[in-house]
Amino acid sequence: MKGFPKKLNSREDYENIVDDFGYCKEVKEAYQALLDSNKHYVFDKELASEDERTGPAPDYKVMKEQQPDETERIVQYKLVDNPDSKLKELGFTENEVQEVIDQC
């Protein structure tokens, strides 16, 4: 193999980069991306003002969105588990991935 792989498609690919490259910056970034895939934001509700936020960041994110008719609306998104995450697809647990990140 020449250099760090561009795509990691299996659990074995992730385990091999630790064996091949040790606990370096690239390995940490790859495992952090895997961990980040485990949660995502979903629409929660529309707000009358930004002050109506239900909870603190990063669990809730408030954004202004431009509508096709040029009006603006304020919406809240909630951070939730992603059932289709690559982490779950490859059979990792959050703890396994976090251990590798902590060792880098």
Protein backbone atom coordinates (compact mmCIF):
# COMPACT_ATOMS: atom_id res chain seq x y z
CA MET A 1 0.00 0.00 0.00
CA LYS A 2 1.27 3.46 -0.84
CA GLY A 3 0.27 6.09 1.70
CA PHE A 4 -2.85 6.39 3.77
CA PRO A 5 -5.95 4.83 2.13
CA LYS A 6 -8.51 7.19 0.62
CA LYS A 7 -11.48 4.93 1.44
CA LEU A 8 -12.12 2.74 4.46
CA ASN A 9 -14.99 0.36 3.75
CA SER A 10 -14.80 -2.34 6.40
CA ARG A 11 -14.01 -2.88 10.04
CA GLU A 12 -10.83 -4.62 8.92
CA ASP A 13 -9.79 -1.52 6.96
CA TYR A 14 -10.01 0.54 10.15
CA GLU A 15 -8.16 -2.05 12.20
CA ASN A 16 -5.46 -2.31 9.53
CA ILE A 17 -4.71 1.41 9.49
CA VAL A 18 -3.93 1.24 13.20
CA ASP A 19 -1.60 -1.72 12.54
CA ASP A 20 -0.01 -0.09 9.48
CA PHE A 21 0.26 3.54 10.60
CA GLY A 22 0.09 3.43 14.39
CA TYR A 23 -1.74 6.09 16.32
CA CYS A 24 -1.09 9.06 14.05
CA LYS A 25 -3.05 12.14 13.02
CA GLU A 26 -4.65 10.44 9.99
CA VAL A 27 -5.84 7.47 12.05
CA LYS A 28 -7.32 9.79 14.65
CA GLU A 29 -9.15 11.77 11.95
CA ALA A 30 -10.52 8.59 10.35
CA TYR A 31 -11.81 7.25 13.66
CA GLN A 32 -13.21 10.68 14.65
CA ALA A 33 -15.16 10.80 11.37
CA LEU A 34 -16.51 7.33 12.17
CA LEU A 35 -17.60 8.51 15.63
CA ASP A 36 -19.11 11.71 14.19
CA SER A 37 -21.26 9.64 11.82
CA ASN A 38 -23.07 8.13 14.79
CA LYS A 39 -25.18 11.24 15.41
CA HIS A 40 -26.89 13.70 13.10
CA TYR A 41 -29.26 16.65 13.23
CA VAL A 42 -32.93 16.27 12.35
CA PHE A 43 -35.62 18.92 12.07
CA ASP A 44 -37.29 19.49 15.43
CA LYS A 45 -39.57 22.51 15.02
CA GLU A 46 -40.01 26.01 13.68
CA LEU A 47 -39.43 28.84 16.17
CA ALA A 48 -40.90 32.33 16.40
CA SER A 49 -37.49 33.64 17.60
CA GLU A 50 -34.01 32.30 18.36
CA ASP A 51 -34.75 32.78 22.07
CA GLU A 52 -37.27 29.91 22.01
CA ARG A 53 -34.52 27.30 21.76
CA THR A 54 -35.54 24.12 23.60
CA GLY A 55 -32.08 23.16 24.86
CA PRO A 56 -28.38 24.03 24.75
CA ALA A 57 -25.93 23.50 21.89
CA PRO A 58 -24.71 21.06 20.64
CA ASP A 59 -27.86 19.04 21.44
CA TYR A 60 -29.95 21.67 19.65
CA LYS A 61 -29.00 23.87 16.73
CA VAL A 62 -30.99 26.92 15.63
CA MET A 63 -30.70 28.22 12.07
CA LYS A 64 -32.27 30.87 9.89
CA GLU A 65 -33.43 29.45 6.56
CA GLN A 66 -34.24 31.43 3.44
CA GLN A 67 -37.53 30.36 1.83
CA PRO A 68 -38.23 30.33 -1.92
CA ASP A 69 -40.53 33.35 -1.49
CA GLU A 70 -37.57 35.28 0.07
CA THR A 71 -39.00 35.11 3.60
CA GLU A 72 -36.90 33.78 6.42
CA ARG A 73 -37.86 31.23 9.04
CA ILE A 74 -36.09 30.15 12.20
CA VAL A 75 -35.87 26.40 12.72
CA GLN A 76 -34.47 24.17 15.41
CA TYR A 77 -32.65 20.92 14.78
CA LYS A 78 -32.03 18.22 17.39
CA LEU A 79 -28.95 15.99 17.57
CA VAL A 80 -30.05 12.32 17.59
CA ASP A 81 -28.56 8.87 17.07
CA ASN A 82 -28.10 7.98 13.42
CA PRO A 83 -29.38 4.42 12.92
CA ASP A 84 -27.66 4.31 9.51
CA SER A 85 -24.24 5.45 10.74
CA LYS A 86 -21.09 3.91 9.36
CA LEU A 87 -20.05 3.15 12.94
CA LYS A 88 -23.06 0.89 13.43
CA GLU A 89 -22.82 -0.53 9.90
CA LEU A 90 -19.25 -1.72 10.57
CA GLY A 91 -20.09 -3.12 14.00
CA PHE A 92 -18.04 -0.74 16.15
CA THR A 93 -19.12 0.61 19.51
CA GLU A 94 -18.56 4.22 20.52
CA ASN A 95 -16.18 3.04 23.27
CA GLU A 96 -14.02 1.05 20.83
CA VAL A 97 -13.64 4.03 18.54
CA GLN A 98 -13.06 6.46 21.40
CA GLU A 99 -10.24 4.25 22.76
CA VAL A 100 -8.37 4.52 19.47
CA ILE A 101 -8.92 8.30 19.35
CA ASP A 102 -7.65 8.66 22.92
CA GLN A 103 -4.47 6.74 22.09
CA CYS A 104 -3.56 9.08 19.23
